[in-house]
Amino acid sequence: MNLLKWEPLRELEEVSSRLNQLFGRTSDHTRLSSNVMADWTPSADISETDSAYLIKAEIPGVNKEDVKVTLESGMLCIRGERHQEKEENDKKFHRIERSYGHFVRTFRLPDDVDESAIKADFKDGMLNVTLSKSATAKPKSVEVTVS
């Protein structure tokens, strides 16, 4: 018989995640790996044209240097951090509603993405990632004759 270590917080997190999925809500915290949590998740739009996919992620208040886009095993990962302002002697915060800390978004790439032709640009709090489609994956039309 094997003994398993009980981790009540992990169980609570899993139950919360399942309830959020059930009710169509997203969790404030996202698991980055087995022991690292993301503090918030940026919103993203995904669109498609004949030649590419476009992912637009809203990450206002984040410096370009604090954003990292990686590609590994068919997964595109956008991660970074939004730093919180520090209280100063002459400034006190009465309410903080914006999310701060680490963030992450991952997207499984379709098979027709050309992984060598991915481009990302960051301007005015918007990260735009362009995923070009592979030329070999484009559909070809073949004329069928009936005899």
Protein backbone atom coordinates (compact mmCIF):
# COMPACT_ATOMS: atom_id res chain seq x y z
CA MET A 1 0.00 0.00 0.00
CA ASN A 2 1.38 3.41 -1.00
CA LEU A 3 0.96 6.45 1.20
CA LEU A 4 -0.10 9.66 -0.50
CA LYS A 5 0.63 13.09 0.92
CA TRP A 6 -2.60 15.02 1.45
CA GLU A 7 -2.43 18.61 0.23
CA PRO A 8 -5.67 20.30 1.32
CA LEU A 9 -4.92 23.65 -0.35
CA ARG A 10 -4.30 21.96 -3.68
CA GLU A 11 -7.59 20.07 -3.36
CA LEU A 12 -9.41 23.32 -2.53
CA GLU A 13 -7.82 24.98 -5.57
CA GLU A 14 -8.94 22.13 -7.84
CA VAL A 15 -12.52 22.31 -6.53
CA SER A 16 -12.55 26.08 -7.03
CA SER A 17 -11.22 25.69 -10.56
CA ARG A 18 -13.88 23.09 -11.41
CA LEU A 19 -16.66 25.32 -10.06
CA ASN A 20 -15.35 28.28 -12.05
CA GLN A 21 -15.31 26.16 -15.21
CA LEU A 22 -18.83 24.96 -14.48
CA PHE A 23 -20.15 28.51 -14.15
CA GLY A 24 -18.07 29.88 -17.03
CA ARG A 25 -15.80 32.03 -14.88
CA THR A 26 -12.05 32.22 -14.97
CA SER A 27 -9.95 31.87 -11.87
CA ASP A 28 -7.90 34.76 -10.52
CA HIS A 29 -4.95 32.42 -10.07
CA THR A 30 -3.52 30.12 -12.72
CA ARG A 31 -1.03 27.34 -12.13
CA LEU A 32 2.21 27.99 -14.04
CA SER A 33 3.85 24.73 -13.02
CA SER A 34 3.54 22.29 -10.17
CA ASN A 35 4.35 24.89 -7.51
CA VAL A 36 4.14 28.37 -9.13
CA MET A 37 0.90 30.32 -9.40
CA ALA A 38 0.01 33.21 -11.70
CA ASP A 39 -1.63 36.14 -9.94
CA TRP A 40 -3.82 37.19 -12.86
CA THR A 41 -4.62 36.33 -16.47
CA PRO A 42 -4.67 38.90 -19.29
CA SER A 43 -7.60 38.91 -21.72
CA ALA A 44 -6.88 37.79 -25.27
CA ASP A 45 -8.63 37.76 -28.64
CA ILE A 46 -7.78 35.26 -31.37
CA SER A 47 -8.63 35.90 -35.01
CA GLU A 48 -7.79 34.20 -38.29
CA THR A 49 -7.18 35.27 -41.88
CA ASP A 50 -6.33 33.14 -44.93
CA SER A 51 -2.61 33.52 -44.21
CA ALA A 52 -2.27 33.82 -40.41
CA TYR A 53 -3.68 33.66 -36.89
CA LEU A 54 -3.50 36.76 -34.69
CA ILE A 55 -3.48 36.74 -30.89
CA LYS A 56 -4.08 40.12 -29.22
CA ALA A 57 -3.45 40.18 -25.48
CA GLU A 58 -4.29 43.15 -23.26
CA ILE A 59 -1.49 43.78 -20.78
CA PRO A 60 -1.64 47.49 -19.87
CA GLY A 61 0.79 48.84 -17.34
CA VAL A 62 3.39 46.19 -18.19
CA ASN A 63 6.83 47.09 -19.53
CA LYS A 64 8.03 45.46 -22.74
CA GLU A 65 10.99 44.03 -20.82
CA ASP A 66 8.62 42.23 -18.43
CA VAL A 67 6.87 40.23 -21.20
CA LYS A 68 8.21 36.97 -22.61
CA VAL A 69 6.73 35.00 -25.52
CA THR A 70 7.97 31.42 -25.96
CA LEU A 71 7.12 28.48 -28.18
CA GLU A 72 7.64 24.92 -27.01
CA SER A 73 6.13 21.64 -28.19
CA GLY A 74 3.30 23.30 -30.12
CA MET A 75 2.34 25.59 -27.20
CA LEU A 76 2.67 29.37 -27.32
CA CYS A 77 3.23 30.83 -23.86
CA ILE A 78 2.90 34.51 -22.94
CA ARG A 79 4.17 35.28 -19.45
CA GLY A 80 5.35 38.29 -17.53
CA GLU A 81 4.76 40.49 -14.54
CA ARG A 82 2.98 43.76 -13.74
CA HIS A 83 4.71 45.50 -10.84
CA GLN A 84 2.66 47.25 -8.18
CA GLU A 85 3.37 50.86 -7.27
CA LYS A 86 4.93 51.38 -3.86
CA GLU A 87 3.29 53.57 -1.26
CA GLU A 88 5.26 56.74 -0.67
CA ASN A 89 5.18 59.18 2.24
CA ASP A 90 2.97 61.68 0.43
CA LYS A 91 0.73 59.12 -1.35
CA LYS A 92 -1.58 56.56 0.24
CA PHE A 93 -3.76 54.06 -1.61
CA HIS A 94 -7.43 53.91 -0.65
CA ARG A 95 -8.39 51.16 -3.08
CA ILE A 96 -6.45 48.82 -5.35
CA GLU A 97 -8.60 47.03 -7.93
CA ARG A 98 -6.11 46.28 -10.69
CA SER A 99 -4.30 42.95 -10.66
CA TYR A 100 -0.57 42.82 -10.09
CA GLY A 101 2.08 40.15 -10.10
CA HIS A 102 2.89 37.30 -12.47
CA PHE A 103 0.64 36.40 -15.39
CA VAL A 104 0.57 33.64 -17.96
CA ARG A 105 -1.49 32.59 -20.98
CA THR A 106 -0.85 29.47 -23.03
CA PHE A 107 -2.31 28.55 -26.40
CA ARG A 108 -2.07 25.25 -28.26
CA LEU A 109 -1.06 26.03 -31.84
CA PRO A 110 -2.95 24.54 -34.79
CA ASP A 111 -1.05 22.11 -37.01
CA ASP A 112 -0.94 24.57 -39.92
CA VAL A 113 1.16 27.20 -38.08
CA ASP A 114 4.64 27.85 -39.46
CA GLU A 115 6.61 27.87 -36.19
CA SER A 116 9.60 29.56 -37.84
CA ALA A 117 7.53 32.61 -38.88
CA ILE A 118 6.02 33.80 -35.59
CA LYS A 119 6.18 37.55 -34.92
CA ALA A 120 5.31 39.49 -31.78
CA ASP A 121 5.09 43.23 -31.20
CA PHE A 122 4.13 45.19 -28.10
CA LYS A 123 2.70 48.71 -28.16
CA ASP A 124 0.44 50.71 -25.84
CA GLY A 125 -0.32 47.76 -23.58
CA MET A 126 -1.30 45.44 -26.44
CA LEU A 127 0.75 42.39 -27.37
CA ASN A 128 0.11 41.24 -30.94
CA VAL A 129 1.41 37.81 -31.89
CA THR A 130 1.13 36.87 -35.58
CA LEU A 131 1.28 33.17 -36.37
CA SER A 132 1.75 32.66 -40.11
CA LYS A 133 0.17 29.61 -41.69
CA SER A 134 2.38 27.07 -43.41
CA ALA A 135 2.28 27.08 -47.21
CA THR A 136 2.06 23.29 -47.32
CA ALA A 137 -1.04 23.25 -45.13
CA LYS A 138 -3.14 25.48 -47.40
CA PRO A 139 -6.04 23.67 -49.05
CA LYS A 140 -5.77 22.89 -52.74
CA SER A 141 -8.73 22.53 -55.03
CA VAL A 142 -8.84 19.66 -57.47
CA GLU A 143 -11.27 19.57 -60.34
CA VAL A 144 -13.21 16.33 -60.49
CA THR A 145 -14.61 15.19 -63.80
CA VAL A 146 -17.50 12.80 -63.98
CA SER A 147 -17.51 10.32 -66.86
